[in-house]
Amino acid sequence: MSEVESIRLAIRVKPGASRTAVGGLVGEELAVAITAQAHDGEANKAAIAAIAKALGVGKSRVEIVKGATFRSKVVEISLDPGARAEVERKIWAMRTLPTHK
């Protein structure tokens, strides 16, 4: 049986944005702009979906492990063995993008 690897990532969620976008930095956190409002967990669901899509992983692979009720959050991404390098490359590329306003 193969072991699942994981990466933890600090993010800053901006609910109510004009469009969904993942990229750029707010301090040291990856910026995640989402159109959903911060109401009844909708922003968290949208943030998870946006990160999963940007990294090419399933939504079930992304979990908020800290900060569920705050804009600053830590997510954990579960990875299949061998996928770490590709996901880290995508994260690095997203960090260098301009932050969506």
PDB file of N, CA and C in Angstrom:
ATOM      1  N   MET A   1       0.841  -1.178   0.000  1.00  0.00           N
ATOM      2  CA  MET A   1       0.000   0.000   0.000  1.00  0.00           C
ATOM      3  C   MET A   1       0.890   1.247   0.000  1.00  0.00           C
ATOM      4  N   SER A   2       0.595   2.225  -0.858  1.00  0.00           N
ATOM      5  CA  SER A   2       1.410   3.423  -0.946  1.00  0.00           C
ATOM      6  C   SER A   2       0.924   4.478   0.044  1.00  0.00           C
ATOM      7  N   GLU A   3       1.887   5.261   0.540  1.00  0.00           N
ATOM      8  CA  GLU A   3       1.564   6.300   1.498  1.00  0.00           C
ATOM      9  C   GLU A   3       1.150   7.570   0.773  1.00  0.00           C
ATOM     10  N   VAL A   4       0.189   8.278   1.350  1.00  0.00           N
ATOM     11  CA  VAL A   4      -0.250   9.552   0.798  1.00  0.00           C
ATOM     12  C   VAL A   4       0.629  10.650   1.385  1.00  0.00           C
ATOM     13  N   GLU A   5       1.107  11.539   0.543  1.00  0.00           N
ATOM     14  CA  GLU A   5       1.888  12.692   0.984  1.00  0.00           C
ATOM     15  C   GLU A   5       0.953  13.880   1.112  1.00  0.00           C
ATOM     16  N   SER A   6       1.402  14.916   1.814  1.00  0.00           N
ATOM     17  CA  SER A   6       0.589  16.124   1.889  1.00  0.00           C
ATOM     18  C   SER A   6       1.476  17.360   1.938  1.00  0.00           C
ATOM     19  N   ILE A   7       0.884  18.462   1.542  1.00  0.00           N
ATOM     20  CA  ILE A   7       1.529  19.774   1.588  1.00  0.00           C
ATOM     21  C   ILE A   7       0.578  20.697   2.330  1.00  0.00           C
ATOM     22  N   ARG A   8       1.109  21.512   3.228  1.00  0.00           N
ATOM     23  CA  ARG A   8       0.308  22.552   3.883  1.00  0.00           C
ATOM     24  C   ARG A   8       0.647  23.883   3.235  1.00  0.00           C
ATOM     25  N   LEU A   9      -0.399  24.673   3.039  1.00  0.00           N
ATOM     26  CA  LEU A   9      -0.260  25.919   2.306  1.00  0.00           C
ATOM     27  C   LEU A   9      -1.043  27.016   3.020  1.00  0.00           C
ATOM     28  N   ALA A  10      -0.384  28.144   3.291  1.00  0.00           N
ATOM     29  CA  ALA A  10      -1.054  29.299   3.890  1.00  0.00           C
ATOM     30  C   ALA A  10      -1.709  30.100   2.771  1.00  0.00           C
ATOM     31  N   ILE A  11      -2.992  30.400   2.943  1.00  0.00           N
ATOM     32  CA  ILE A  11      -3.732  31.155   1.930  1.00  0.00           C
ATOM     33  C   ILE A  11      -4.434  32.342   2.579  1.00  0.00           C
ATOM     34  N   ARG A  12      -4.759  33.328   1.772  1.00  0.00           N
ATOM     35  CA  ARG A  12      -5.559  34.483   2.197  1.00  0.00           C
ATOM     36  C   ARG A  12      -6.731  34.566   1.233  1.00  0.00           C
ATOM     37  N   VAL A  13      -7.949  34.370   1.757  1.00  0.00           N
ATOM     38  CA  VAL A  13      -9.155  34.328   0.932  1.00  0.00           C
ATOM     39  C   VAL A  13      -9.792  35.709   0.862  1.00  0.00           C
ATOM     40  N   LYS A  14     -10.167  36.113  -0.352  1.00  0.00           N
ATOM     41  CA  LYS A  14     -10.886  37.365  -0.565  1.00  0.00           C
ATOM     42  C   LYS A  14     -12.262  37.019  -1.121  1.00  0.00           C
ATOM     43  N   PRO A  15     -13.281  36.900  -0.230  1.00  0.00           N
ATOM     44  CA  PRO A  15     -14.630  36.594  -0.714  1.00  0.00           C
ATOM     45  C   PRO A  15     -15.259  37.812  -1.396  1.00  0.00           C
ATOM     46  N   GLY A  16     -16.244  37.562  -2.249  1.00  0.00           N
ATOM     47  CA  GLY A  16     -16.966  38.637  -2.914  1.00  0.00           C
ATOM     48  C   GLY A  16     -16.183  39.309  -4.026  1.00  0.00           C
ATOM     49  N   ALA A  17     -15.173  38.640  -4.562  1.00  0.00           N
ATOM     50  CA  ALA A  17     -14.378  39.204  -5.659  1.00  0.00           C
ATOM     51  C   ALA A  17     -15.193  39.186  -6.953  1.00  0.00           C
ATOM     52  N   SER A  18     -14.757  39.959  -7.931  1.00  0.00           N
ATOM     53  CA  SER A  18     -15.465  40.007  -9.212  1.00  0.00           C
ATOM     54  C   SER A  18     -15.294  38.715 -10.010  1.00  0.00           C
ATOM     55  N   ARG A  19     -14.200  37.988  -9.743  1.00  0.00           N
ATOM     56  CA  ARG A  19     -13.985  36.693 -10.394  1.00  0.00           C
ATOM     57  C   ARG A  19     -13.126  35.822  -9.485  1.00  0.00           C
ATOM     58  N   THR A  20     -13.172  34.530  -9.720  1.00  0.00           N
ATOM     59  CA  THR A  20     -12.357  33.595  -8.950  1.00  0.00           C
ATOM     60  C   THR A  20     -10.969  33.535  -9.566  1.00  0.00           C
ATOM     61  N   ALA A  21      -9.944  33.679  -8.719  1.00  0.00           N
ATOM     62  CA  ALA A  21      -8.559  33.642  -9.188  1.00  0.00           C
ATOM     63  C   ALA A  21      -7.656  33.196  -8.046  1.00  0.00           C
ATOM     64  N   VAL A  22      -6.667  32.396  -8.374  1.00  0.00           N
ATOM     65  CA  VAL A  22      -5.667  31.966  -7.401  1.00  0.00           C
ATOM     66  C   VAL A  22      -4.326  32.450  -7.914  1.00  0.00           C
ATOM     67  N   GLY A  23      -3.653  33.277  -7.121  1.00  0.00           N
ATOM     68  CA  GLY A  23      -2.342  33.745  -7.541  1.00  0.00           C
ATOM     69  C   GLY A  23      -1.931  35.016  -6.854  1.00  0.00           C
ATOM     70  N   GLY A  24      -0.639  35.194  -6.748  1.00  0.00           N
ATOM     71  CA  GLY A  24      -0.071  36.339  -6.069  1.00  0.00           C
ATOM     72  C   GLY A  24       0.025  36.087  -4.578  1.00  0.00           C
ATOM     73  N   LEU A  25       0.628  37.038  -3.902  1.00  0.00           N
ATOM     74  CA  LEU A  25       0.815  36.905  -2.463  1.00  0.00           C
ATOM     75  C   LEU A  25       0.178  38.063  -1.722  1.00  0.00           C
ATOM     76  N   VAL A  26      -0.326  37.763  -0.536  1.00  0.00           N
ATOM     77  CA  VAL A  26      -0.731  38.766   0.441  1.00  0.00           C
ATOM     78  C   VAL A  26       0.169  38.474   1.634  1.00  0.00           C
ATOM     79  N   GLY A  27       1.215  39.265   1.806  1.00  0.00           N
ATOM     80  CA  GLY A  27       2.248  38.918   2.779  1.00  0.00           C
ATOM     81  C   GLY A  27       2.943  37.651   2.300  1.00  0.00           C
ATOM     82  N   GLU A  28       2.885  36.602   3.112  1.00  0.00           N
ATOM     83  CA  GLU A  28       3.471  35.307   2.747  1.00  0.00           C
ATOM     84  C   GLU A  28       2.410  34.286   2.349  1.00  0.00           C
ATOM     85  N   GLU A  29       1.149  34.719   2.268  1.00  0.00           N
ATOM     86  CA  GLU A  29       0.039  33.803   1.976  1.00  0.00           C
ATOM     87  C   GLU A  29      -0.346  33.876   0.501  1.00  0.00           C
ATOM     88  N   LEU A  30      -0.695  32.734  -0.074  1.00  0.00           N
ATOM     89  CA  LEU A  30      -1.173  32.686  -1.450  1.00  0.00           C
ATOM     90  C   LEU A  30      -2.564  33.311  -1.509  1.00  0.00           C
ATOM     91  N   ALA A  31      -2.765  34.241  -2.426  1.00  0.00           N
ATOM     92  CA  ALA A  31      -4.049  34.929  -2.555  1.00  0.00           C
ATOM     93  C   ALA A  31      -5.055  34.061  -3.307  1.00  0.00           C
ATOM     94  N   VAL A  32      -6.270  33.957  -2.741  1.00  0.00           N
ATOM     95  CA  VAL A  32      -7.360  33.201  -3.358  1.00  0.00           C
ATOM     96  C   VAL A  32      -8.584  34.115  -3.382  1.00  0.00           C
ATOM     97  N   ALA A  33      -8.890  34.670  -4.547  1.00  0.00           N
ATOM     98  CA  ALA A  33     -10.067  35.523  -4.713  1.00  0.00           C
ATOM     99  C   ALA A  33     -11.223  34.648  -5.190  1.00  0.00           C
ATOM    100  N   ILE A  34     -12.370  34.800  -4.547  1.00  0.00           N
ATOM    101  CA  ILE A  34     -13.537  33.992  -4.912  1.00  0.00           C
ATOM    102  C   ILE A  34     -14.769  34.876  -5.001  1.00  0.00           C
ATOM    103  N   THR A  35     -15.698  34.492  -5.854  1.00  0.00           N
ATOM    104  CA  THR A  35     -16.922  35.278  -6.011  1.00  0.00           C
ATOM    105  C   THR A  35     -17.920  35.020  -4.888  1.00  0.00           C
ATOM    106  N   ALA A  36     -17.836  33.877  -4.245  1.00  0.00           N
ATOM    107  CA  ALA A  36     -18.771  33.534  -3.161  1.00  0.00           C
ATOM    108  C   ALA A  36     -18.585  34.474  -1.976  1.00  0.00           C
ATOM    109  N   GLN A  37     -19.678  34.703  -1.263  1.00  0.00           N
ATOM    110  CA  GLN A  37     -19.646  35.507  -0.044  1.00  0.00           C
ATOM    111  C   GLN A  37     -19.289  34.637   1.152  1.00  0.00           C
ATOM    112  N   ALA A  38     -18.780  35.263   2.194  1.00  0.00           N
ATOM    113  CA  ALA A  38     -18.434  34.550   3.429  1.00  0.00           C
ATOM    114  C   ALA A  38     -19.709  34.354   4.251  1.00  0.00           C
ATOM    115  N   HIS A  39     -20.501  33.360   3.849  1.00  0.00           N
ATOM    116  CA  HIS A  39     -21.776  33.098   4.517  1.00  0.00           C
ATOM    117  C   HIS A  39     -22.059  31.602   4.471  1.00  0.00           C
ATOM    118  N   ASP A  40     -22.330  31.010   5.614  1.00  0.00           N
ATOM    119  CA  ASP A  40     -22.684  29.585   5.716  1.00  0.00           C
ATOM    120  C   ASP A  40     -21.666  28.650   5.066  1.00  0.00           C
ATOM    121  N   GLY A  41     -20.385  28.996   5.152  1.00  0.00           N
ATOM    122  CA  GLY A  41     -19.345  28.119   4.622  1.00  0.00           C
ATOM    123  C   GLY A  41     -19.167  28.154   3.117  1.00  0.00           C
ATOM    124  N   GLU A  42     -19.923  29.011   2.432  1.00  0.00           N
ATOM    125  CA  GLU A  42     -19.830  29.067   0.965  1.00  0.00           C
ATOM    126  C   GLU A  42     -18.451  29.520   0.490  1.00  0.00           C
ATOM    127  N   ALA A  43     -17.854  30.476   1.194  1.00  0.00           N
ATOM    128  CA  ALA A  43     -16.525  30.950   0.799  1.00  0.00           C
ATOM    129  C   ALA A  43     -15.484  29.848   0.966  1.00  0.00           C
ATOM    130  N   ASN A  44     -15.589  29.075   2.034  1.00  0.00           N
ATOM    131  CA  ASN A  44     -14.641  27.974   2.238  1.00  0.00           C
ATOM    132  C   ASN A  44     -14.767  26.939   1.128  1.00  0.00           C
ATOM    133  N   LYS A  45     -16.000  26.590   0.774  1.00  0.00           N
ATOM    134  CA  LYS A  45     -16.214  25.620  -0.309  1.00  0.00           C
ATOM    135  C   LYS A  45     -15.635  26.140  -1.624  1.00  0.00           C
ATOM    136  N   ALA A  46     -15.870  27.418  -1.902  1.00  0.00           N
ATOM    137  CA  ALA A  46     -15.368  28.008  -3.141  1.00  0.00           C
ATOM    138  C   ALA A  46     -13.842  28.083  -3.142  1.00  0.00           C
ATOM    139  N   ALA A  47     -13.244  28.391  -1.993  1.00  0.00           N
ATOM    140  CA  ALA A  47     -11.783  28.454  -1.900  1.00  0.00           C
ATOM    141  C   ALA A  47     -11.174  27.076  -2.139  1.00  0.00           C
ATOM    142  N   ILE A  48     -11.765  26.054  -1.544  1.00  0.00           N
ATOM    143  CA  ILE A  48     -11.287  24.681  -1.745  1.00  0.00           C
ATOM    144  C   ILE A  48     -11.377  24.305  -3.221  1.00  0.00           C
ATOM    145  N   ALA A  49     -12.507  24.620  -3.845  1.00  0.00           N
ATOM    146  CA  ALA A  49     -12.695  24.298  -5.264  1.00  0.00           C
ATOM    147  C   ALA A  49     -11.678  25.036  -6.135  1.00  0.00           C
ATOM    148  N   ALA A  50     -11.418  26.308  -5.825  1.00  0.00           N
ATOM    149  CA  ALA A  50     -10.475  27.100  -6.620  1.00  0.00           C
ATOM    150  C   ALA A  50      -9.053  26.558  -6.502  1.00  0.00           C
ATOM    151  N   ILE A  51      -8.654  26.212  -5.291  1.00  0.00           N
ATOM    152  CA  ILE A  51      -7.307  25.666  -5.084  1.00  0.00           C
ATOM    153  C   ILE A  51      -7.170  24.316  -5.780  1.00  0.00           C
ATOM    154  N   ALA A  52      -8.173  23.466  -5.613  1.00  0.00           N
ATOM    155  CA  ALA A  52      -8.137  22.140  -6.245  1.00  0.00           C
ATOM    156  C   ALA A  52      -8.011  22.265  -7.760  1.00  0.00           C
ATOM    157  N   LYS A  53      -8.796  23.149  -8.350  1.00  0.00           N
ATOM    158  CA  LYS A  53      -8.749  23.332  -9.805  1.00  0.00           C
ATOM    159  C   LYS A  53      -7.384  23.864 -10.243  1.00  0.00           C
ATOM    160  N   ALA A  54      -6.865  24.842  -9.521  1.00  0.00           N
ATOM    161  CA  ALA A  54      -5.576  25.434  -9.884  1.00  0.00           C
ATOM    162  C   ALA A  54      -4.430  24.428  -9.789  1.00  0.00           C
ATOM    163  N   LEU A  55      -4.538  23.493  -8.843  1.00  0.00           N
ATOM    164  CA  LEU A  55      -3.473  22.507  -8.647  1.00  0.00           C
ATOM    165  C   LEU A  55      -3.713  21.209  -9.408  1.00  0.00           C
ATOM    166  N   GLY A  56      -4.903  21.071  -9.994  1.00  0.00           N
ATOM    167  CA  GLY A  56      -5.209  19.855 -10.741  1.00  0.00           C
ATOM    168  C   GLY A  56      -5.429  18.643  -9.857  1.00  0.00           C
ATOM    169  N   VAL A  57      -6.013  18.867  -8.678  1.00  0.00           N
ATOM    170  CA  VAL A  57      -6.333  17.766  -7.766  1.00  0.00           C
ATOM    171  C   VAL A  57      -7.829  17.791  -7.474  1.00  0.00           C
ATOM    172  N   GLY A  58      -8.362  16.710  -6.954  1.00  0.00           N
ATOM    173  CA  GLY A  58      -9.768  16.659  -6.591  1.00  0.00           C
ATOM    174  C   GLY A  58     -10.065  17.507  -5.362  1.00  0.00           C
ATOM    175  N   LYS A  59     -11.284  18.029  -5.278  1.00  0.00           N
ATOM    176  CA  LYS A  59     -11.678  18.841  -4.122  1.00  0.00           C
ATOM    177  C   LYS A  59     -11.540  18.078  -2.818  1.00  0.00           C
ATOM    178  N   SER A  60     -11.760  16.767  -2.855  1.00  0.00           N
ATOM    179  CA  SER A  60     -11.652  15.967  -1.634  1.00  0.00           C
ATOM    180  C   SER A  60     -10.213  15.884  -1.132  1.00  0.00           C
ATOM    181  N   ARG A  61      -9.252  16.299  -1.957  1.00  0.00           N
ATOM    182  CA  ARG A  61      -7.834  16.281  -1.575  1.00  0.00           C
ATOM    183  C   ARG A  61      -7.411  17.552  -0.840  1.00  0.00           C
ATOM    184  N   VAL A  62      -8.291  18.557  -0.785  1.00  0.00           N
ATOM    185  CA  VAL A  62      -7.966  19.843  -0.159  1.00  0.00           C
ATOM    186  C   VAL A  62      -8.838  20.012   1.080  1.00  0.00           C
ATOM    187  N   GLU A  63      -8.192  20.294   2.207  1.00  0.00           N
ATOM    188  CA  GLU A  63      -8.916  20.439   3.473  1.00  0.00           C
ATOM    189  C   GLU A  63      -8.392  21.663   4.224  1.00  0.00           C
ATOM    190  N   ILE A  64      -9.310  22.459   4.763  1.00  0.00           N
ATOM    191  CA  ILE A  64      -8.913  23.577   5.616  1.00  0.00           C
ATOM    192  C   ILE A  64      -8.591  23.002   6.990  1.00  0.00           C
ATOM    193  N   VAL A  65      -7.351  23.189   7.444  1.00  0.00           N
ATOM    194  CA  VAL A  65      -6.936  22.631   8.733  1.00  0.00           C
ATOM    195  C   VAL A  65      -6.774  23.708   9.800  1.00  0.00           C
ATOM    196  N   LYS A  66      -6.803  24.972   9.393  1.00  0.00           N
ATOM    197  CA  LYS A  66      -6.692  26.066  10.351  1.00  0.00           C
ATOM    198  C   LYS A  66      -7.326  27.311   9.755  1.00  0.00           C
ATOM    199  N   GLY A  67      -8.103  28.030  10.577  1.00  0.00           N
ATOM    200  CA  GLY A  67      -8.648  29.313  10.147  1.00  0.00           C
ATOM    201  C   GLY A  67      -9.952  29.246   9.385  1.00  0.00           C
ATOM    202  N   ALA A  68     -10.775  28.247   9.635  1.00  0.00           N
ATOM    203  CA  ALA A  68     -12.021  28.075   8.874  1.00  0.00           C
ATOM    204  C   ALA A  68     -12.924  29.303   8.929  1.00  0.00           C
ATOM    205  N   THR A  69     -12.858  30.089   9.995  1.00  0.00           N
ATOM    206  CA  THR A  69     -13.729  31.262  10.109  1.00  0.00           C
ATOM    207  C   THR A  69     -12.977  32.574   9.883  1.00  0.00           C
ATOM    208  N   PHE A  70     -11.759  32.489   9.377  1.00  0.00           N
ATOM    209  CA  PHE A  70     -10.948  33.677   9.124  1.00  0.00           C
ATOM    210  C   PHE A  70     -10.544  33.732   7.652  1.00  0.00           C
ATOM    211  N   ARG A  71     -10.122  34.889   7.201  1.00  0.00           N
ATOM    212  CA  ARG A  71      -9.646  35.003   5.813  1.00  0.00           C
ATOM    213  C   ARG A  71      -8.294  34.328   5.629  1.00  0.00           C
ATOM    214  N   SER A  72      -7.455  34.391   6.661  1.00  0.00           N
ATOM    215  CA  SER A  72      -6.174  33.676   6.626  1.00  0.00           C
ATOM    216  C   SER A  72      -6.418  32.240   7.049  1.00  0.00           C
ATOM    217  N   LYS A  73      -6.006  31.305   6.217  1.00  0.00           N
ATOM    218  CA  LYS A  73      -6.270  29.886   6.455  1.00  0.00           C
ATOM    219  C   LYS A  73      -5.028  29.064   6.132  1.00  0.00           C
ATOM    220  N   VAL A  74      -5.012  27.855   6.627  1.00  0.00           N
ATOM    221  CA  VAL A  74      -4.013  26.871   6.219  1.00  0.00           C
ATOM    222  C   VAL A  74      -4.781  25.698   5.643  1.00  0.00           C
ATOM    223  N   VAL A  75      -4.419  25.308   4.427  1.00  0.00           N
ATOM    224  CA  VAL A  75      -5.042  24.145   3.803  1.00  0.00           C
ATOM    225  C   VAL A  75      -4.005  23.041   3.685  1.00  0.00           C
ATOM    226  N   GLU A  76      -4.494  21.820   3.740  1.00  0.00           N
ATOM    227  CA  GLU A  76      -3.639  20.657   3.535  1.00  0.00           C
ATOM    228  C   GLU A  76      -4.093  19.967   2.263  1.00  0.00           C
ATOM    229  N   ILE A  77      -3.144  19.719   1.380  1.00  0.00           N
ATOM    230  CA  ILE A  77      -3.434  19.066   0.108  1.00  0.00           C
ATOM    231  C   ILE A  77      -2.837  17.665   0.158  1.00  0.00           C
ATOM    232  N   SER A  78      -3.688  16.658   0.054  1.00  0.00           N
ATOM    233  CA  SER A  78      -3.233  15.263   0.039  1.00  0.00           C
ATOM    234  C   SER A  78      -2.845  14.895  -1.385  1.00  0.00           C
ATOM    235  N   LEU A  79      -1.694  14.258  -1.519  1.00  0.00           N
ATOM    236  CA  LEU A  79      -1.152  13.955  -2.843  1.00  0.00           C
ATOM    237  C   LEU A  79      -0.851  12.480  -2.996  1.00  0.00           C
ATOM    238  N   ASP A  80      -0.993  12.007  -4.209  1.00  0.00           N
ATOM    239  CA  ASP A  80      -0.526  10.666  -4.532  1.00  0.00           C
ATOM    240  C   ASP A  80       0.999  10.692  -4.539  1.00  0.00           C
ATOM    241  N   PRO A  81       1.632   9.569  -4.209  1.00  0.00           N
ATOM    242  CA  PRO A  81       3.097   9.519  -4.272  1.00  0.00           C
ATOM    243  C   PRO A  81       3.585   9.933  -5.663  1.00  0.00           C
ATOM    244  N   GLY A  82       4.624  10.721  -5.693  1.00  0.00           N
ATOM    245  CA  GLY A  82       5.188  11.166  -6.961  1.00  0.00           C
ATOM    246  C   GLY A  82       4.590  12.450  -7.498  1.00  0.00           C
ATOM    247  N   ALA A  83       3.506  12.950  -6.911  1.00  0.00           N
ATOM    248  CA  ALA A  83       2.851  14.158  -7.414  1.00  0.00           C
ATOM    249  C   ALA A  83       3.372  15.435  -6.759  1.00  0.00           C
ATOM    250  N   ARG A  84       4.153  15.304  -5.706  1.00  0.00           N
ATOM    251  CA  ARG A  84       4.594  16.456  -4.925  1.00  0.00           C
ATOM    252  C   ARG A  84       5.342  17.496  -5.770  1.00  0.00           C
ATOM    253  N   ALA A  85       6.297  17.076  -6.569  1.00  0.00           N
ATOM    254  CA  ALA A  85       7.109  18.016  -7.345  1.00  0.00           C
ATOM    255  C   ALA A  85       6.246  18.849  -8.290  1.00  0.00           C
ATOM    256  N   GLU A  86       5.292  18.226  -8.953  1.00  0.00           N
ATOM    257  CA  GLU A  86       4.418  18.948  -9.889  1.00  0.00           C
ATOM    258  C   GLU A  86       3.537  19.951  -9.155  1.00  0.00           C
ATOM    259  N   VAL A  87       2.972  19.560  -8.021  1.00  0.00           N
ATOM    260  CA  VAL A  87       2.116  20.470  -7.246  1.00  0.00           C
ATOM    261  C   VAL A  87       2.951  21.623  -6.692  1.00  0.00           C
ATOM    262  N   GLU A  88       4.144  21.345  -6.195  1.00  0.00           N
ATOM    263  CA  GLU A  88       5.014  22.416  -5.703  1.00  0.00           C
ATOM    264  C   GLU A  88       5.377  23.384  -6.823  1.00  0.00           C
ATOM    265  N   ARG A  89       5.604  22.873  -8.028  1.00  0.00           N
ATOM    266  CA  ARG A  89       5.893  23.738  -9.175  1.00  0.00           C
ATOM    267  C   ARG A  89       4.717  24.666  -9.467  1.00  0.00           C
ATOM    268  N   LYS A  90       3.496  24.117  -9.417  1.00  0.00           N
ATOM    269  CA  LYS A  90       2.300  24.930  -9.659  1.00  0.00           C
ATOM    270  C   LYS A  90       2.123  25.987  -8.575  1.00  0.00           C
ATOM    271  N   ILE A  91       2.360  25.613  -7.319  1.00  0.00           N
ATOM    272  CA  ILE A  91       2.244  26.578  -6.218  1.00  0.00           C
ATOM    273  C   ILE A  91       3.252  27.708  -6.416  1.00  0.00           C
ATOM    274  N   TRP A  92       4.491  27.369  -6.741  1.00  0.00           N
ATOM    275  CA  TRP A  92       5.512  28.388  -6.963  1.00  0.00           C
ATOM    276  C   TRP A  92       5.097  29.330  -8.095  1.00  0.00           C
ATOM    277  N   ALA A  93       4.587  28.774  -9.174  1.00  0.00           N
ATOM    278  CA  ALA A  93       4.151  29.599 -10.305  1.00  0.00           C
ATOM    279  C   ALA A  93       3.003  30.522  -9.895  1.00  0.00           C
ATOM    280  N   MET A  94       2.058  30.026  -9.099  1.00  0.00           N
ATOM    281  CA  MET A  94       0.928  30.852  -8.661  1.00  0.00           C
ATOM    282  C   MET A  94       1.386  31.979  -7.742  1.00  0.00           C
ATOM    283  N   ARG A  95       2.405  31.729  -6.933  1.00  0.00           N
ATOM    284  CA  ARG A  95       2.906  32.748  -6.011  1.00  0.00           C
ATOM    285  C   ARG A  95       3.495  33.937  -6.764  1.00  0.00           C
ATOM    286  N   THR A  96       3.984  33.712  -7.976  1.00  0.00           N
ATOM    287  CA  THR A  96       4.631  34.786  -8.728  1.00  0.00           C
ATOM    288  C   THR A  96       3.653  35.581  -9.599  1.00  0.00           C
ATOM    289  N   LEU A  97       2.399  35.161  -9.652  1.00  0.00           N
ATOM    290  CA  LEU A  97       1.395  35.887 -10.432  1.00  0.00           C
ATOM    291  C   LEU A  97       0.993  37.168  -9.710  1.00  0.00           C
ATOM    292  N   PRO A  98       0.484  38.165 -10.439  1.00  0.00           N
ATOM    293  CA  PRO A  98      -0.036  39.352  -9.763  1.00  0.00           C
ATOM    294  C   PRO A  98      -1.281  38.985  -8.954  1.00  0.00           C
ATOM    295  N   THR A  99      -1.458  39.643  -7.828  1.00  0.00           N
ATOM    296  CA  THR A  99      -2.617  39.407  -6.975  1.00  0.00           C
ATOM    297  C   THR A  99      -3.851  40.029  -7.605  1.00  0.00           C
ATOM    298  N   HIS A 100      -4.959  39.262  -7.657  1.00  0.00           N
ATOM    299  CA  HIS A 100      -6.224  39.770  -8.199  1.00  0.00           C
ATOM    300  C   HIS A 100      -6.822  40.755  -7.211  1.00  0.00           C
ATOM    301  N   LYS A 101      -7.192  41.915  -7.675  1.00  0.00           N
ATOM    302  CA  LYS A 101      -7.778  42.955  -6.806  1.00  0.00           C
ATOM    303  C   LYS A 101      -9.271  42.828  -6.714  1.00  0.00           C
TER     304      LYS A 101
END
